[in-house]
Amino acid sequence: MTGDVNRFWEESGNISRGTVRLVSDFVDLRPNGIITLPLTSSLTITLRRPNLGEFRDMREQFDELADATNDALSEIAIRVDEAAEMTREQQLEKRQETRVWRRQVTSELEGKRLDWLRMVCERLGDKRLPDDVNELPAWITDPGLAASMTRHWVNHPGPPSGAR
């Protein structure tokens, strides 16, 4: 059974040699602070490293995204605690409401992540995200993408201005 599951994931491209593929498998984080996002066969966006003012603006919006994510996680914890006090029948009744809520929150958070990435591409990119993002890869909504990019810019600021 395990072999069948692994074979399925390998064939679907989501796992490689027993390892789940991460955002870093898709995004090129260069030591000079430049980030390349290969989005489709015909769309690759290259992001220059931000200056301090741009970084602060992006970090502020990133923090708002993190707050929204933490709020959702807190609500999940509350719902789990409430479910622990319920009977099995009450839990089953609450399940549908929770599914609807979870889909709504997931959609809102994905929208916020896309808004953040759109803002970053507009300010730092050689191209913008298309208006219709439905044809783009799902990994662009990965919760860790914004954190990875932000951390990369802090850890790999690139050469000083004017350096060659």
Foldseek 3Di string as FASTA:
>chain_A
DVVVVVVVCVVVVQADPRHGDAVCVQWDQDLQLKIWGPWDPPDIKIFHQDDPVVLVVLVVLLVVLVVLVVVVVVVVVVVVVVLVVDDPVVNVVCVVVVVVVVVVSLVVSLVSLLVSQQVRCVVGIPDGQDPDCPSTDPNSSPNCPSVVSSVSCVNRVHDPPPDD
